[in-house]
Each structure stands twice: as structure tokens, then as C-alpha cells.
Amino acid sequence: MSPFSSQFLQLLLLILCSLSLSFGQPHPLDPLTPSEISAIRTIIKSSSINSTSFSFHYVGLEEPDKQTFLSWHSNPTAHPILPRQAFVILRAGGQTHELYVDITNNCIASHRVRSGNGYPTLNMEEQNAVTLLTFNYTPFVESVKKRGVDLKDVVCSTYTVGWNGERDKGRVIKLQCFVVGETANIYMRPLEGITILADLEAMEILEYLDRIIVPVPTATGTDYRASRQMPPYGPRGNPVVVTQPEGKGFTVSGNVVRWANWALHVGFDARAGLVISHASVLNDENNEYRSVLYKSYVSEICVPYMDPSEEWYFKAFFDYGDYGFGPLSSSLEPMIDCPPNAEYMDGYYANGDGSPVHIPNVICIFERYAGDPSWRHTEILIPGKVITEAREEVSLVVRTVTTLGNYDYVLDWEFKTSGSIKVWVGLTGMMEVRGTDYSHAKEIRGEQHGELVAPNTIGVYHDHYISYHLDLDIAGTTNSFVKANLKTVRVNGGKTPRKSYWTTVKETATTEADARVDFHTAAPAELLFVNPSVKTKLGNTVGYRLISSSAAATSLLTDDDYPLIRAAYTKKQLWVTPYNKRDKWVSGLYADQSHGDDNLAAWSMRNRSIENTDIVLWYTMGIHHIPSQEDFPLMSMLSCGFELRPFNFFDRNPLIKTQPFSKGRWAT
């Protein structure tokens, strides 16, 4: 550590910042640029942090305080340009360091050494380096030979160890290896029975166990590449082409996107990936934009596996917290990942050395039309007339894709002229499979923790929990969460034959405990997010409703099981907390080997007030995946989603006056 006292160092940093000169800035919410990432690296490398080497694990924009940004955005010319800052997590000298770097003034604004359980997100360089250890490790080389596999056909991957009650062993990682050979589908050919534990910082293998030998599944039928397929082939349809003869209907200025009645900011973060900020929709009654979302993104994807064996028990991954979305994001392929009318944005993140890495075409934006109506009606009761009126359903989609090991996730934010926001996730890629002696279902004896999907191949049971951070600002920052409970009422002594009806009883959540919802046990209700201080002309409170997903699985693990302790938020689909700039990640800032004391469920235990204040909705979609043979050798896209839909947000249906995207007759 530095010979200076921490108090003196902090004072020195503040003085240096105050003396530095500022320079022109981009939009306050824009992601860090390559030059800014390089500047951050230079600032840290030239600082007084006493270490011969640094390992960068997160470099992201430290956004301005919310009220500061909103004041600036209300009248940018009347406010000074907001300073650019970054939040940085690095490892140096065997410790985790948190730094706030003032990019504008070219200095470190604050620096502290972090203590407590959990470790930062892995970087790509250390993962690549640690996997190479196996090929010069004699016991592993011998294990490969015993299985009749050529070492040159082997590849290895990293698996975070989680936490299962054991003492802290430092930054360790487990390795699992696969056979390539005649296929690119390595995940269908595991070297089963081998457990390797390695130290990420000492770069050495700590523990090795070769417990069982089972056959390596054959490569036959596993390759998914078109060039490797053999006849007979399936049927082929005719090409489908998307055209916009008058050009794109949206504009992109920097990272600000405008389309139809929507305006939003699109960003990219090393951990979260795609970030939607400051989304507002036009109110045609006064021709002013009204806020809906301040900031939204996927906060975590948790994937626990259901095999308690030695080689599998620790597999309960926090994909975003363990590995990060950014480095694993894909460059989107035109005409495959996105239609031909798409426009693209690039992304940048800092590698382990702190240098910027460019991902071209990491986000695509396009207008979607699938031949569906947004509304229609045919009237036949007016004598002598048949009136048919309709509007086509055209929406704006913002998309990104990540490959988190074996799984690929396609993430969509879809904005509609009705004011709705539909949020979709598509799961595809390969299952995690376990090698087995069994080659036919009739041979199976005992619990296998999965299904036989191919000879010598068990698809292991597992869950997917996709958790969203949704900082709702419904017509402003002062919001409440209201459950409009549907209640059955018995009719006694009525004047008609009816015996019952249902009505609504509205209940405003006052604390966090009131706002935890498990859809499986909760009474039927509309879930509303309202601004009590803003009314429609009729006097109704403006709001949005959450239309939940059919993917509503919650964890089935026991409360004392470690994967659930670490991801206790998966016991309920919906949580609401008061806005806190630091509460970003449902799994905690340091998810790797976390103990569950810094996650959404832990924060919510503070039971803070959430009524008529700035609140955040946390929503988790859950899927219990029981593998089947159709998931082999690659899983077709499985999609699920939810909708944020206006509820008295407008004075009437905004689509009535929305002009058709195709030509139509309108009064002049």
C-alpha cells in the first residue's frame, strides 16, 4: 500500500481534481468511449497504488446523480456540461480495489480497498490463461490418455465455484474439459469425471480428482454447421424479404434514438450489456414527452443445475456477476441476428489490462412488422354500411445477443406506438450435458438428475432466472406500487338472476415487504405503477401495468441450500425497492463466491418506505428446463417476455390519432 495515510491520500486526490481543467463531454449517459477507457488506464497506471501489476475487472460509466441529470436534461443550455466519471474494480496486490476516476479532470476522485466476501467479475485474459494450465499438468494428460482421447483435441473452460459453506480459498476457479475432434459442438462431448481446481492469481492447479471414467459421447450427429449436414435434408421455404421503400422511420443521434412517439437512450455496459435509459413517450394532447423508464437492463441471469455429484454440485452460475455480459457479447450478423433494415451500434469494454476492446455491431435497432394489426374493428350494425378500420402493428426493437458459455441469449426491448414496452429474451445454444454409461432409456437405474437425450449423454435439469432492473419514472420520479386485487362478491337478494361478480380492491404498498409478490400464491391482481401526483383529465391516476410472463418459475430448492441462499430473490418474481444508485445487481456487486448478504433479498429486508417516492421494480422470469431429445444437439429458440402497458397514462387510446405507417386518408 501507499506510504501515505488513507485520509491524506483522499485529500490529495480531491485537491488534484479541483485543480485540473475540464474539456468537452458527450451525452451524460453515453457509455465510455475508447479514448476514455484508455485515459482511465493511464490515470490508474500512473497513480500511487503500490502494485507491480493490475488486473482490471470492471470499468464502467459512473453516471451523474439522477436529479442532477434530470435538471441538466430539462434545459441543457442553462446548465454546465456534466463531468464524466468512471467506476473501476481492479485486483492489485491480492486485494480488490474500488476507484472512482474523474475523467474530465484526469484524476482519481476516490480509492478504497474492498473487504468482505465475494470477488469481482472474471476477465477474459485470466480465464484464457488458467485453462492452459491443464495441458502441462501430468495427471490431466494421463486422464486424457486413459479415455483414449488425443490431447490436441481437448479444450477446457472455466466454471465459477460458487459458495457452499466452505472457507474462503481465495480467487479459485474450476475447469471442465471437452473433446473437439470432428465437431464444433464441444459441449456435447464432455470429459466426465474430472474435477480441477485452480488459483486464478497464482495461476496454478490446487486440486485434482479423476473420480470416474465414462465414455466420451461420439461426435456423430452433434455438429450444427450447415456445411457439415448430410442428406436427407428437411424442406426449404422461399426467402422472406423485409423492405422499407421510404427508408428507416427512426433516427439515431449519438446514442439517442427517436421513433414515432418514443425517445430513448441506448447504451452498453461491460457487465449489463444493453442499457435502455430515459425512455419517454409523446403525449399528443399537449405534444410533450412524458417519462416512463429512467434506466433498465438485465441485472442477472442465474442458472443453477440440479446434479449434486462431485463434478456438478457447485454449478449455480451468476452469468452477469461471474463473467459479465460485455466481453461475451456477439457482433450481430446482418440478415441472421437482425433484419436488413437494422441499424447498428458498436460497444467497448476494458480488458484485463485496462485497454479498450471494440465489439462492432453489438446492438441492432430496427422496425418490425409481421403483418399483424395493432387494432381493428368491423362494424356491420349501421344500416347499409360495413365499416372496417385497422392499423398495422409496427414496433421499434432494440436487440443484443450474448453467448454465455454454452447458452446464447437474445435480448429484445420492443417499443410500441400504443405506449407499451415489451421485453423479450430468447434462449438457444447448447445444454450442459453429463457423460454417462447409458445409451438407451431402458438401461437407466436410479436418479440421473436429467434426461437421456443421446447415447451416453444426459441433459441435466436446471433453471434459468432472468432478472431485470426497471427504474420506472412514470410521469416523474414520485411513484407508488398498487395491487388492484380482484375480489369475488356474492350477490344477496339481487333483482336479477346473477349470483356473483368481481370487483377491484386497490392496495398501495407502503413498504418493501408489501411489494414482494409470488405469482403462484398471490391473489389475482393487476400490478400497477402509478404517479399519485399526476391525473388524467377525468381524474384518474396515471400509471403503467405489468403484464407478467408465463415463464414464472420460482426456485424449488430448500431455503438452507447454498445456491438459494445466494439467490434468495428467485423465490419471488417481483420486488420493489426505493431508488438507490448503488443497488444495481440482484446478485450483489461481487457475485463470485458471494454469501447472499448483498443481494436483492438482503436489501429488501430493510423494509424501507416505497410509497409516493422514487422506486425500482425488479422482475424475474423463471424457467425450469427439463431437457428433451429436441434440445440435442442444439436447442431451438425458447422465448419468454413481459409487458409494461399504459394504464390511464393517456387520456384515450393514443393509436386513434397515430397515422398509419402505410398511406392512409387523413383530414387536413
Foldseek 3Di string as FASTA:
>chain_A
DFPDDQVVVLVVQQVLLVPFAFDDDDQQPAKDDQVLLVLVLVQVVPDRPDAPAKFWQFKIWPGDPPVVNVVCVVPVVVDDDDWTWIWTWMDGPLWIKIWIAGSRRSHTNHIDTDDDDFDFADFPVLFVLLFVQLLPDVVSVVLCVVQVHDPVQKGKGWAFQAAFPDDDPGQKIKMWMFGCPPAPLGLQFTQPQWIWMAHSPVSHTDDIGRGDGFHGDDPPPFHDDPVPDDDPDDDDDDDDADDDVVAAQWDQDNQWIDHQFWIWGWYQGQQFGIKIAQIWGAFVVVRDTFTWFGIKTFQWKWKQFDDCDPRHNRRTDTLRRHHGQRVQWAQDDEPPLHDPRKDFDKHWTAGRSSRIDIHGRQKIKHKDFDPAWPDKDWDDPPPPDTDIDTFGWIWMKIWGWGDRDQKIKIWIWIATNQRKIKTKIKIKGAARKHFDNAADPVPDDDDPQAPDQGGRIGRHWMKIKTKMKTQTAQRHQFKWKKWFAKDKDADDPDPDPDGIDIGTDIDIDFWQVSWFAAPVPDGDTWIWMFQVVDAAPVGHTWTWTKFDKPLRDADPDDCPGQSCLQQVSSNTFKTKDADDSLQRHQSASRNRNDRNCGHPVNVRVVTDTDHRGRMIMMGMGMDTDHDHNCPPPMHDIDMMIMMTGIDNSHNDRSVVPRAHPDDDDDDD
